[in-house]
C-alpha atoms as a PDB file:
ATOM      1  CA  MET A   1     -31.528  76.217  36.149  1.00  0.00           C
ATOM      2  CA  THR A   2     -34.760  74.205  36.028  1.00  0.00           C
ATOM      3  CA  HIS A   3     -34.938  70.695  37.400  1.00  0.00           C
ATOM      4  CA  PRO A   4     -37.051  67.907  35.875  1.00  0.00           C
ATOM      5  CA  THR A   5     -40.249  67.136  37.753  1.00  0.00           C
ATOM      6  CA  MET A   6     -42.432  64.047  38.147  1.00  0.00           C
ATOM      7  CA  SER A   7     -44.672  65.491  35.461  1.00  0.00           C
ATOM      8  CA  ASP A   8     -41.716  65.627  33.066  1.00  0.00           C
ATOM      9  CA  VAL A   9     -40.930  61.977  33.834  1.00  0.00           C
ATOM     10  CA  ALA A  10     -44.580  61.015  33.335  1.00  0.00           C
ATOM     11  CA  GLU A  11     -44.670  62.771  29.965  1.00  0.00           C
ATOM     12  CA  ARG A  12     -41.418  61.115  28.829  1.00  0.00           C
ATOM     13  CA  ALA A  13     -42.595  57.652  29.918  1.00  0.00           C
ATOM     14  CA  GLY A  14     -46.149  58.131  28.609  1.00  0.00           C
ATOM     15  CA  VAL A  15     -47.798  57.382  31.957  1.00  0.00           C
ATOM     16  CA  SER A  16     -49.681  59.299  34.640  1.00  0.00           C
ATOM     17  CA  ARG A  17     -47.940  61.405  37.285  1.00  0.00           C
ATOM     18  CA  ALA A  18     -49.613  59.283  39.967  1.00  0.00           C
ATOM     19  CA  LEU A  19     -47.962  56.172  38.536  1.00  0.00           C
ATOM     20  CA  VAL A  20     -44.567  57.910  38.567  1.00  0.00           C
ATOM     21  CA  SER A  21     -45.125  58.876  42.199  1.00  0.00           C
ATOM     22  CA  MET A  22     -45.877  55.273  43.143  1.00  0.00           C
ATOM     23  CA  VAL A  23     -42.702  54.035  41.447  1.00  0.00           C
ATOM     24  CA  MET A  24     -40.527  56.717  43.059  1.00  0.00           C
ATOM     25  CA  ARG A  25     -41.914  55.769  46.465  1.00  0.00           C
ATOM     26  CA  ASP A  26     -41.459  52.066  45.672  1.00  0.00           C
ATOM     27  CA  LYS A  27     -45.138  51.393  46.309  1.00  0.00           C
ATOM     28  CA  PRO A  28     -46.856  48.171  45.162  1.00  0.00           C
ATOM     29  CA  GLY A  29     -49.133  48.279  42.134  1.00  0.00           C
ATOM     30  CA  PRO A  30     -47.167  49.306  39.026  1.00  0.00           C
ATOM     31  CA  SER A  31     -46.080  46.481  36.747  1.00  0.00           C
ATOM     32  CA  GLN A  32     -42.413  45.661  36.338  1.00  0.00           C
ATOM     33  CA  GLN A  33     -42.543  46.942  32.762  1.00  0.00           C
ATOM     34  CA  SER A  34     -43.977  50.273  33.926  1.00  0.00           C
ATOM     35  CA  ARG A  35     -41.358  50.568  36.654  1.00  0.00           C
ATOM     36  CA  GLU A  36     -38.516  49.989  34.217  1.00  0.00           C
ATOM     37  CA  ARG A  37     -39.934  52.499  31.693  1.00  0.00           C
ATOM     38  CA  ILE A  38     -40.419  55.179  34.382  1.00  0.00           C
ATOM     39  CA  LEU A  39     -36.980  54.671  35.942  1.00  0.00           C
ATOM     40  CA  ALA A  40     -35.362  54.795  32.485  1.00  0.00           C
ATOM     41  CA  ALA A  41     -37.172  58.095  31.754  1.00  0.00           C
ATOM     42  CA  ALA A  42     -36.057  59.494  35.110  1.00  0.00           C
ATOM     43  CA  ARG A  43     -32.411  58.606  34.362  1.00  0.00           C
ATOM     44  CA  GLU A  44     -32.604  60.178  30.912  1.00  0.00           C
ATOM     45  CA  LEU A  45     -33.964  63.427  32.340  1.00  0.00           C
ATOM     46  CA  GLY A  46     -31.651  63.461  35.344  1.00  0.00           C
ATOM     47  CA  TYR A  47     -34.629  63.457  37.687  1.00  0.00           C
ATOM     48  CA  ARG A  48     -34.057  62.863  41.393  1.00  0.00           C
ATOM     49  CA  PRO A  49     -36.761  62.968  44.078  1.00  0.00           C
ATOM     50  CA  ASN A  50     -36.833  66.177  46.100  1.00  0.00           C
ATOM     51  CA  ALA A  51     -35.602  65.344  49.577  1.00  0.00           C
ATOM     52  CA  SER A  52     -37.422  68.269  51.184  1.00  0.00           C
ATOM     53  CA  ALA A  53     -40.733  67.015  49.817  1.00  0.00           C
ATOM     54  CA  ARG A  54     -39.872  63.490  50.943  1.00  0.00           C
ATOM     55  CA  LEU A  55     -39.602  64.780  54.495  1.00  0.00           C
ATOM     56  CA  LEU A  56     -43.321  65.472  54.412  1.00  0.00           C
ATOM     57  CA  ARG A  57     -44.000  61.779  53.969  1.00  0.00           C
ATOM     58  CA  ARG A  58     -43.285  58.900  56.294  1.00  0.00           C
ATOM     59  CA  ASN A  59     -41.016  57.210  53.810  1.00  0.00           C
ATOM     60  CA  ARG A  60     -37.749  58.758  55.060  1.00  0.00           C
ATOM     61  CA  THR A  61     -34.204  57.452  55.140  1.00  0.00           C
ATOM     62  CA  LYS A  62     -33.000  59.900  57.818  1.00  0.00           C
ATOM     63  CA  LEU A  63     -29.510  59.534  56.321  1.00  0.00           C
ATOM     64  CA  ILE A  64     -26.862  62.252  56.194  1.00  0.00           C
ATOM     65  CA  GLY A  65     -24.161  61.798  53.575  1.00  0.00           C
ATOM     66  CA  ALA A  66     -20.595  62.609  54.681  1.00  0.00           C
ATOM     67  CA  ILE A  67     -17.949  63.418  52.037  1.00  0.00           C
ATOM     68  CA  PHE A  68     -14.445  63.270  53.479  1.00  0.00           C
ATOM     69  CA  TRP A  69     -10.851  62.139  52.951  1.00  0.00           C
ATOM     70  CA  MET A  70      -9.882  59.093  55.000  1.00  0.00           C
ATOM     71  CA  GLY A  71      -6.250  60.233  55.061  1.00  0.00           C
ATOM     72  CA  SER A  72      -7.128  63.165  57.329  1.00  0.00           C
ATOM     73  CA  PRO A  73      -7.195  62.206  61.033  1.00  0.00           C
ATOM     74  CA  PHE A  74      -9.271  65.278  61.860  1.00  0.00           C
ATOM     75  CA  GLN A  75     -11.906  64.593  59.208  1.00  0.00           C
ATOM     76  CA  VAL A  76     -12.186  60.967  60.313  1.00  0.00           C
ATOM     77  CA  ARG A  77     -12.659  62.073  63.938  1.00  0.00           C
ATOM     78  CA  VAL A  78     -15.440  64.478  62.962  1.00  0.00           C
ATOM     79  CA  VAL A  79     -17.241  61.773  60.975  1.00  0.00           C
ATOM     80  CA  GLU A  80     -16.893  59.370  63.916  1.00  0.00           C
ATOM     81  CA  ARG A  81     -18.428  61.981  66.197  1.00  0.00           C
ATOM     82  CA  LEU A  82     -21.200  62.670  63.687  1.00  0.00           C
ATOM     83  CA  PHE A  83     -22.110  58.977  63.815  1.00  0.00           C
ATOM     84  CA  ARG A  84     -22.704  59.141  67.562  1.00  0.00           C
ATOM     85  CA  LYS A  85     -24.389  62.522  67.730  1.00  0.00           C
ATOM     86  CA  ALA A  86     -26.596  61.891  64.689  1.00  0.00           C
ATOM     87  CA  ALA A  87     -27.731  58.576  66.170  1.00  0.00           C
ATOM     88  CA  GLU A  88     -28.875  60.428  69.290  1.00  0.00           C
ATOM     89  CA  LEU A  89     -31.138  62.475  67.006  1.00  0.00           C
ATOM     90  CA  GLY A  90     -32.414  59.461  65.105  1.00  0.00           C
ATOM     91  CA  TYR A  91     -30.243  59.907  62.025  1.00  0.00           C
ATOM     92  CA  GLY A  92     -27.616  57.740  60.362  1.00  0.00           C
ATOM     93  CA  ILE A  93     -24.451  58.618  58.420  1.00  0.00           C
ATOM     94  CA  ALA A  94     -23.826  57.355  54.878  1.00  0.00           C
ATOM     95  CA  LEU A  95     -20.088  57.378  54.174  1.00  0.00           C
ATOM     96  CA  GLY A  96     -18.734  58.988  51.014  1.00  0.00           C
ATOM     97  CA  PRO A  97     -14.922  58.869  51.115  1.00  0.00           C
ATOM     98  CA  THR A  98     -13.129  60.547  48.230  1.00  0.00           C
ATOM     99  CA  THR A  99     -10.129  58.825  46.645  1.00  0.00           C
ATOM    100  CA  PRO A 100      -7.912  59.509  43.625  1.00  0.00           C
ATOM    101  CA  ASP A 101     -10.280  57.247  41.670  1.00  0.00           C
ATOM    102  CA  ARG A 102     -13.545  58.682  43.039  1.00  0.00           C
ATOM    103  CA  SER A 103     -14.243  62.339  42.376  1.00  0.00           C
ATOM    104  CA  THR A 104     -16.566  64.489  44.442  1.00  0.00           C
ATOM    105  CA  ASP A 105     -19.156  64.235  41.662  1.00  0.00           C
ATOM    106  CA  ASP A 106     -18.990  60.426  41.822  1.00  0.00           C
ATOM    107  CA  VAL A 107     -19.360  60.404  45.598  1.00  0.00           C
ATOM    108  CA  VAL A 108     -22.285  62.848  45.594  1.00  0.00           C
ATOM    109  CA  ALA A 109     -24.088  60.831  42.924  1.00  0.00           C
ATOM    110  CA  GLN A 110     -23.641  57.647  44.975  1.00  0.00           C
ATOM    111  CA  LEU A 111     -24.959  59.284  48.147  1.00  0.00           C
ATOM    112  CA  ILE A 112     -27.960  60.771  46.341  1.00  0.00           C
ATOM    113  CA  GLU A 113     -28.786  57.292  45.060  1.00  0.00           C
ATOM    114  CA  GLU A 114     -28.809  56.188  48.714  1.00  0.00           C
ATOM    115  CA  ARG A 115     -31.478  58.867  49.242  1.00  0.00           C
ATOM    116  CA  VAL A 116     -29.624  60.941  51.802  1.00  0.00           C
ATOM    117  CA  GLU A 117     -31.613  63.826  53.222  1.00  0.00           C
ATOM    118  CA  ALA A 118     -28.573  66.081  53.667  1.00  0.00           C
ATOM    119  CA  LEU A 119     -24.904  66.282  52.709  1.00  0.00           C
ATOM    120  CA  VAL A 120     -21.819  67.440  54.611  1.00  0.00           C
ATOM    121  CA  ALA A 121     -18.524  67.815  52.767  1.00  0.00           C
ATOM    122  CA  PHE A 122     -14.950  68.611  53.757  1.00  0.00           C
ATOM    123  CA  ASN A 123     -12.796  70.941  51.680  1.00  0.00           C
ATOM    124  CA  LEU A 124     -14.181  70.587  48.188  1.00  0.00           C
ATOM    125  CA  GLU A 125     -10.989  71.073  46.178  1.00  0.00           C
ATOM    126  CA  SER A 126     -12.675  71.838  42.889  1.00  0.00           C
ATOM    127  CA  PHE A 127     -16.060  72.818  41.575  1.00  0.00           C
ATOM    128  CA  SER A 128     -18.539  69.975  41.842  1.00  0.00           C
ATOM    129  CA  GLY A 129     -21.624  70.343  39.683  1.00  0.00           C
ATOM    130  CA  GLU A 130     -23.274  67.413  41.454  1.00  0.00           C
ATOM    131  CA  PHE A 131     -22.766  68.979  44.890  1.00  0.00           C
ATOM    132  CA  LEU A 132     -23.977  72.385  43.762  1.00  0.00           C
ATOM    133  CA  ASP A 133     -27.032  70.769  42.189  1.00  0.00           C
ATOM    134  CA  ALA A 134     -27.724  68.819  45.377  1.00  0.00           C
ATOM    135  CA  SER A 135     -27.434  71.987  47.463  1.00  0.00           C
ATOM    136  CA  THR A 136     -30.467  73.446  45.669  1.00  0.00           C
ATOM    137  CA  ARG A 137     -32.611  70.495  46.741  1.00  0.00           C
ATOM    138  CA  ILE A 138     -31.366  69.221  50.117  1.00  0.00           C
ATOM    139  CA  PRO A 139     -29.504  70.750  53.100  1.00  0.00           C
ATOM    140  CA  THR A 140     -25.730  70.895  52.537  1.00  0.00           C
ATOM    141  CA  VAL A 141     -22.946  71.923  54.904  1.00  0.00           C
ATOM    142  CA  LEU A 142     -19.384  72.723  53.845  1.00  0.00           C
ATOM    143  CA  LEU A 143     -16.784  71.905  56.506  1.00  0.00           C
ATOM    144  CA  GLY A 144     -13.239  73.197  56.879  1.00  0.00           C
ATOM    145  CA  GLU A 145     -13.453  76.292  54.707  1.00  0.00           C
ATOM    146  CA  TRP A 146     -15.471  79.376  53.905  1.00  0.00           C
ATOM    147  CA  ASN A 147     -17.144  78.726  50.564  1.00  0.00           C
ATOM    148  CA  ASP A 148     -20.036  80.859  49.398  1.00  0.00           C
ATOM    149  CA  THR A 149     -22.188  78.664  47.158  1.00  0.00           C
ATOM    150  CA  GLY A 150     -25.225  80.749  48.042  1.00  0.00           C
ATOM    151  CA  THR A 151     -27.036  77.647  49.264  1.00  0.00           C
ATOM    152  CA  SER A 152     -24.720  75.764  51.673  1.00  0.00           C
ATOM    153  CA  ASP A 153     -24.090  76.408  55.350  1.00  0.00           C
ATOM    154  CA  ASN A 154     -20.446  76.705  56.458  1.00  0.00           C
ATOM    155  CA  VAL A 155     -18.774  75.310  59.580  1.00  0.00           C
ATOM    156  CA  HIS A 156     -15.053  75.685  60.168  1.00  0.00           C
ATOM    157  CA  ILE A 157     -12.464  76.749  62.697  1.00  0.00           C
ATOM    158  CA  ASP A 158     -11.601  80.377  63.351  1.00  0.00           C
ATOM    159  CA  GLU A 159      -8.306  80.164  61.466  1.00  0.00           C
ATOM    160  CA  ASP A 160      -7.348  83.805  62.015  1.00  0.00           C
ATOM    161  CA  GLU A 161      -7.517  83.264  65.765  1.00  0.00           C
ATOM    162  CA  GLY A 162      -5.695  79.941  65.550  1.00  0.00           C
ATOM    163  CA  LEU A 163      -2.737  81.339  63.600  1.00  0.00           C
ATOM    164  CA  ARG A 164      -2.700  84.462  65.766  1.00  0.00           C
ATOM    165  CA  LEU A 165      -2.280  82.272  68.838  1.00  0.00           C
ATOM    166  CA  VAL A 166       0.568  80.361  67.179  1.00  0.00           C
ATOM    167  CA  VAL A 167       2.501  83.456  66.137  1.00  0.00           C
ATOM    168  CA  GLU A 168       1.901  85.097  69.538  1.00  0.00           C
ATOM    169  CA  HIS A 169       3.260  81.980  71.255  1.00  0.00           C
ATOM    170  CA  LEU A 170       6.384  81.898  69.066  1.00  0.00           C
ATOM    171  CA  VAL A 171       7.009  85.639  69.416  1.00  0.00           C
ATOM    172  CA  SER A 172       6.761  85.305  73.199  1.00  0.00           C
ATOM    173  CA  LEU A 173       9.590  82.758  72.955  1.00  0.00           C
ATOM    174  CA  GLY A 174      11.737  85.212  71.009  1.00  0.00           C
ATOM    175  CA  HIS A 175      11.131  83.966  67.475  1.00  0.00           C
ATOM    176  CA  ARG A 176      11.061  86.369  64.544  1.00  0.00           C
ATOM    177  CA  ASP A 177      12.147  84.167  61.609  1.00  0.00           C
ATOM    178  CA  ILE A 178       8.892  82.210  61.377  1.00  0.00           C
ATOM    179  CA  VAL A 179       8.013  80.458  58.119  1.00  0.00           C
ATOM    180  CA  TYR A 180       4.857  78.622  57.092  1.00  0.00           C
ATOM    181  CA  VAL A 181       4.381  75.592  54.865  1.00  0.00           C
ATOM    182  CA  GLY A 182       1.001  75.469  53.131  1.00  0.00           C
ATOM    183  CA  GLY A 183      -1.041  77.498  50.675  1.00  0.00           C
ATOM    184  CA  GLN A 184      -1.998  74.548  48.474  1.00  0.00           C
ATOM    185  CA  ALA A 185      -4.872  72.029  48.601  1.00  0.00           C
ATOM    186  CA  GLY A 186      -7.866  74.105  47.592  1.00  0.00           C
ATOM    187  CA  LYS A 187      -9.490  77.061  49.260  1.00  0.00           C
ATOM    188  CA  VAL A 188      -8.790  75.959  52.826  1.00  0.00           C
ATOM    189  CA  GLY A 189      -5.045  75.783  52.128  1.00  0.00           C
ATOM    190  CA  HIS A 190      -5.080  79.245  50.592  1.00  0.00           C
ATOM    191  CA  ASP A 191      -7.175  80.749  53.402  1.00  0.00           C
ATOM    192  CA  ARG A 192      -5.001  79.258  56.140  1.00  0.00           C
ATOM    193  CA  ALA A 193      -1.854  80.725  54.563  1.00  0.00           C
ATOM    194  CA  LEU A 194      -3.528  84.134  54.479  1.00  0.00           C
ATOM    195  CA  SER A 195      -4.370  83.769  58.178  1.00  0.00           C
ATOM    196  CA  TYR A 196      -0.657  83.177  58.884  1.00  0.00           C
ATOM    197  CA  GLN A 197       0.289  86.296  56.932  1.00  0.00           C
ATOM    198  CA  ARG A 198      -2.270  88.399  58.794  1.00  0.00           C
ATOM    199  CA  ALA A 199      -0.940  87.089  62.102  1.00  0.00           C
ATOM    200  CA  MET A 200       2.630  87.984  61.141  1.00  0.00           C
ATOM    201  CA  GLN A 201       1.487  91.478  60.176  1.00  0.00           C
ATOM    202  CA  LYS A 202      -0.316  91.884  63.498  1.00  0.00           C
ATOM    203  CA  PHE A 203       2.962  91.302  65.362  1.00  0.00           C
ATOM    204  CA  GLY A 204       4.971  93.599  63.104  1.00  0.00           C
ATOM    205  CA  LEU A 205       6.578  90.765  61.146  1.00  0.00           C
ATOM    206  CA  ALA A 206       4.910  91.216  57.753  1.00  0.00           C
ATOM    207  CA  GLY A 207       8.293  91.797  56.087  1.00  0.00           C
ATOM    208  CA  GLN A 208       9.580  88.476  57.430  1.00  0.00           C
ATOM    209  CA  SER A 209       6.594  86.314  56.540  1.00  0.00           C
ATOM    210  CA  GLU A 210       7.290  83.496  54.086  1.00  0.00           C
ATOM    211  CA  VAL A 211       5.063  80.744  52.736  1.00  0.00           C
ATOM    212  CA  ILE A 212       6.788  77.601  51.501  1.00  0.00           C
ATOM    213  CA  SER A 213       4.404  76.066  48.999  1.00  0.00           C
ATOM    214  CA  GLY A 214       2.828  72.809  50.131  1.00  0.00           C
ATOM    215  CA  ALA A 215      -0.346  71.084  51.241  1.00  0.00           C
ATOM    216  CA  PHE A 216      -1.265  68.959  54.273  1.00  0.00           C
ATOM    217  CA  SER A 217       0.542  65.636  53.848  1.00  0.00           C
ATOM    218  CA  GLU A 218       3.651  64.255  55.551  1.00  0.00           C
ATOM    219  CA  GLU A 219       5.603  64.644  52.324  1.00  0.00           C
ATOM    220  CA  ASP A 220       4.690  68.344  52.103  1.00  0.00           C
ATOM    221  CA  GLY A 221       6.197  68.925  55.536  1.00  0.00           C
ATOM    222  CA  ALA A 222       9.198  66.755  54.707  1.00  0.00           C
ATOM    223  CA  ALA A 223       9.875  68.715  51.503  1.00  0.00           C
ATOM    224  CA  ALA A 224       9.688  72.011  53.404  1.00  0.00           C
ATOM    225  CA  ALA A 225      12.103  70.707  56.059  1.00  0.00           C
ATOM    226  CA  ARG A 226      14.607  69.622  53.390  1.00  0.00           C
ATOM    227  CA  GLU A 227      14.409  73.060  51.790  1.00  0.00           C
ATOM    228  CA  ILE A 228      15.090  74.688  55.158  1.00  0.00           C
ATOM    229  CA  LEU A 229      18.080  72.417  55.774  1.00  0.00           C
ATOM    230  CA  ARG A 230      19.669  73.558  52.494  1.00  0.00           C
ATOM    231  CA  ARG A 231      19.672  77.197  53.590  1.00  0.00           C
ATOM    232  CA  ASP A 232      22.668  78.986  55.061  1.00  0.00           C
ATOM    233  CA  ARG A 233      20.373  80.995  57.323  1.00  0.00           C
ATOM    234  CA  ARG A 234      17.510  78.915  58.628  1.00  0.00           C
ATOM    235  CA  PRO A 235      14.277  80.122  60.224  1.00  0.00           C
ATOM    236  CA  THR A 236      13.920  79.468  63.926  1.00  0.00           C
ATOM    237  CA  ALA A 237      10.306  78.289  63.698  1.00  0.00           C
ATOM    238  CA  LEU A 238       8.159  76.402  61.201  1.00  0.00           C
ATOM    239  CA  ILE A 239       4.346  76.492  61.214  1.00  0.00           C
ATOM    240  CA  CYS A 240       2.684  73.704  59.248  1.00  0.00           C
ATOM    241  CA  ALA A 241      -0.767  73.739  57.641  1.00  0.00           C
ATOM    242  CA  GLY A 242      -1.662  70.479  59.376  1.00  0.00           C
ATOM    243  CA  ASP A 243      -0.395  67.962  61.901  1.00  0.00           C
ATOM    244  CA  LEU A 244       0.581  65.418  59.251  1.00  0.00           C
ATOM    245  CA  SER A 245       2.732  68.023  57.515  1.00  0.00           C
ATOM    246  CA  ALA A 246       4.390  68.865  60.845  1.00  0.00           C
ATOM    247  CA  VAL A 247       5.100  65.188  61.541  1.00  0.00           C
ATOM    248  CA  GLY A 248       6.811  64.917  58.149  1.00  0.00           C
ATOM    249  CA  ALA A 249       9.012  67.889  59.027  1.00  0.00           C
ATOM    250  CA  LEU A 250       9.862  66.425  62.437  1.00  0.00           C
ATOM    251  CA  SER A 251      11.019  63.195  60.803  1.00  0.00           C
ATOM    252  CA  VAL A 252      13.359  64.960  58.371  1.00  0.00           C
ATOM    253  CA  PHE A 253      14.837  67.138  61.109  1.00  0.00           C
ATOM    254  CA  ALA A 254      15.387  64.074  63.294  1.00  0.00           C
ATOM    255  CA  ARG A 255      17.170  62.183  60.494  1.00  0.00           C
ATOM    256  CA  ALA A 256      19.392  65.215  59.902  1.00  0.00           C
ATOM    257  CA  GLY A 257      20.270  65.492  63.589  1.00  0.00           C
ATOM    258  CA  VAL A 258      18.554  68.880  63.924  1.00  0.00           C
ATOM    259  CA  SER A 259      17.155  69.387  67.407  1.00  0.00           C
ATOM    260  CA  VAL A 260      13.478  70.268  67.835  1.00  0.00           C
ATOM    261  CA  PRO A 261      12.923  72.639  69.546  1.00  0.00           C
ATOM    262  CA  GLY A 262      16.591  73.305  70.331  1.00  0.00           C
ATOM    263  CA  SER A 263      17.455  74.434  66.777  1.00  0.00           C
ATOM    264  CA  ILE A 264      13.995  74.998  65.312  1.00  0.00           C
ATOM    265  CA  SER A 265      10.465  74.994  66.724  1.00  0.00           C
ATOM    266  CA  VAL A 266       7.665  73.218  64.849  1.00  0.00           C
ATOM    267  CA  VAL A 267       3.900  73.795  65.131  1.00  0.00           C
ATOM    268  CA  GLY A 268       1.013  71.853  63.572  1.00  0.00           C
ATOM    269  CA  PHE A 269      -2.687  72.472  63.058  1.00  0.00           C
ATOM    270  CA  ASP A 270      -5.738  70.305  63.996  1.00  0.00           C
ATOM    271  CA  ASP A 271      -4.586  68.584  67.221  1.00  0.00           C
ATOM    272  CA  SER A 272      -5.271  65.192  65.656  1.00  0.00           C
ATOM    273  CA  TYR A 273      -4.194  61.999  67.407  1.00  0.00           C
ATOM    274  CA  VAL A 274      -0.735  62.117  65.786  1.00  0.00           C
ATOM    275  CA  ALA A 275       0.041  65.362  67.631  1.00  0.00           C
ATOM    276  CA  SER A 276      -0.244  63.796  71.082  1.00  0.00           C
ATOM    277  CA  LEU A 277       1.673  60.596  70.333  1.00  0.00           C
ATOM    278  CA  SER A 278       4.480  60.125  72.847  1.00  0.00           C
ATOM    279  CA  TYR A 279       7.203  60.396  70.188  1.00  0.00           C
ATOM    280  CA  ASN A 280       5.744  63.565  68.612  1.00  0.00           C
ATOM    281  CA  GLN A 281       4.308  65.716  71.432  1.00  0.00           C
ATOM    282  CA  LEU A 282       3.517  68.376  68.847  1.00  0.00           C
ATOM    283  CA  THR A 283       2.483  71.921  69.689  1.00  0.00           C
ATOM    284  CA  THR A 284      -0.622  72.529  67.583  1.00  0.00           C
ATOM    285  CA  VAL A 285      -3.873  74.416  67.080  1.00  0.00           C
ATOM    286  CA  HIS A 286      -6.785  72.477  68.545  1.00  0.00           C
ATOM    287  CA  GLN A 287      -9.961  72.056  66.504  1.00  0.00           C
ATOM    288  CA  ASP A 288     -12.977  71.207  68.636  1.00  0.00           C
ATOM    289  CA  VAL A 289     -14.447  68.030  67.146  1.00  0.00           C
ATOM    290  CA  ASP A 290     -17.590  68.144  69.289  1.00  0.00           C
ATOM    291  CA  ALA A 291     -18.251  71.785  68.404  1.00  0.00           C
ATOM    292  CA  THR A 292     -17.831  70.964  64.710  1.00  0.00           C
ATOM    293  CA  ALA A 293     -20.239  68.010  64.858  1.00  0.00           C
ATOM    294  CA  ASP A 294     -22.795  69.928  66.930  1.00  0.00           C
ATOM    295  CA  ALA A 295     -22.743  72.966  64.632  1.00  0.00           C
ATOM    296  CA  THR A 296     -23.032  70.753  61.550  1.00  0.00           C
ATOM    297  CA  LEU A 297     -26.063  68.844  62.818  1.00  0.00           C
ATOM    298  CA  SER A 298     -27.684  72.042  64.077  1.00  0.00           C
ATOM    299  CA  ALA A 299     -27.340  73.628  60.627  1.00  0.00           C
ATOM    300  CA  ILE A 300     -28.846  70.553  58.963  1.00  0.00           C
ATOM    301  CA  LEU A 301     -31.823  70.361  61.319  1.00  0.00           C
ATOM    302  CA  GLN A 302     -32.549  74.064  60.949  1.00  0.00           C
ATOM    303  CA  ARG A 303     -32.493  73.803  57.170  1.00  0.00           C
ATOM    304  CA  LEU A 304     -34.729  70.740  57.228  1.00  0.00           C
ATOM    305  CA  GLU A 305     -37.218  72.888  59.144  1.00  0.00           C
ATOM    306  CA  ASP A 306     -36.798  75.883  56.821  1.00  0.00           C
ATOM    307  CA  PHE A 307     -34.984  75.066  53.588  1.00  0.00           C
ATOM    308  CA  GLN A 308     -35.260  78.642  52.296  1.00  0.00           C
ATOM    309  CA  ARG A 309     -33.497  80.325  55.205  1.00  0.00           C
ATOM    310  CA  PRO A 310     -30.229  82.176  54.392  1.00  0.00           C
ATOM    311  CA  PRO A 311     -27.030  80.094  54.700  1.00  0.00           C
ATOM    312  CA  SER A 312     -25.174  80.422  58.001  1.00  0.00           C
ATOM    313  CA  SER A 313     -21.420  80.661  58.632  1.00  0.00           C
ATOM    314  CA  ILE A 314     -20.276  79.192  61.933  1.00  0.00           C
ATOM    315  CA  ALA A 315     -16.696  79.557  63.198  1.00  0.00           C
ATOM    316  CA  THR A 316     -15.695  77.020  65.834  1.00  0.00           C
ATOM    317  CA  PRO A 317     -13.226  78.124  68.540  1.00  0.00           C
ATOM    318  CA  ALA A 318      -9.470  77.713  68.153  1.00  0.00           C
ATOM    319  CA  THR A 319      -7.124  77.073  71.066  1.00  0.00           C
ATOM    320  CA  LEU A 320      -3.384  76.428  71.213  1.00  0.00           C
ATOM    321  CA  VAL A 321      -2.062  73.226  72.767  1.00  0.00           C
ATOM    322  CA  VAL A 322       1.585  73.701  73.780  1.00  0.00           C
ATOM    323  CA  ARG A 323       3.642  70.527  73.933  1.00  0.00           C
ATOM    324  CA  GLU A 324       7.331  69.788  73.404  1.00  0.00           C
ATOM    325  CA  THR A 325       8.119  70.961  69.854  1.00  0.00           C
ATOM    326  CA  THR A 326       8.291  74.682  70.635  1.00  0.00           C
ATOM    327  CA  GLY A 327      10.884  76.445  72.760  1.00  0.00           C
ATOM    328  CA  PRO A 328      12.964  79.621  73.013  1.00  0.00           C
ATOM    329  CA  THR A 329      14.646  80.867  69.866  1.00  0.00           C
ATOM    330  CA  PRO A 330      18.167  79.422  69.503  1.00  0.00           C
ATOM    331  CA  ALA A 331      21.219  81.658  69.650  1.00  0.00           C
ATOM    332  CA  ARG A 332      22.481  82.492  66.176  1.00  0.00           C
END
């Protein structure tokens, strides 16, 4: 795929390349009419200034675009930490929250217009042509999942280790009927469910593994809890794809008078602020926010130094935080 150049814009607008360069750098000199004609030609061709080349000039924004979902406590915490750590390095963060009305393509286009020098993105749920195009021109980091674009660095938690720790903890308490709610919500949901299944196999429970379809929201956990309550034989432990899902399950069990962990143990994932709230005290897998932010910024800075280097894949450590929602398996 070839990308339009300044020369292409100059040819389309019928002006010199030097004049195009002055307009793209917002330098004084070109007339307003020339500016409008050049910018119109650039839009028609889909031309965007190369951020790597811009780094060679003094006219830098030193902005990093962050694409995230505001409904995820963990993603919000990482972006908050990126603000502080990026500032220490002389960079700023341009926010690009996704919503039902703003697709990833829309968000990427907006951030590129703000002249970000790099992009970080959480859990791209579908193919984004804009993001893939951007990754060929500026440093990009994918957070929360392994995703081989061939051009983006990856930073995410060691999910195999995280789910192994959860299953090991539950098995040590006597649990064998351990179900998981997840598997949906893009590649990260699918990968995390596979990590659960591998953990169950490791402890000789492959034949008893079960994935209840769902994603990461409170309602996904609530739906799984209602399904469990309808069963004659219930599992003794429920692992949720995320803390919000686990909180939804806790609420349904509480309304039904089902004791947690007396009748069923519940585990989350992320160790977001909702896990440690006094009325939840959720056992969960801890994601290291500082390690995620540090690895992300390190990958960006390295790629700014050498844009052609091979993409890196960085797994941040997983630990288990045991609180009050897990206990010994109940007597049948």
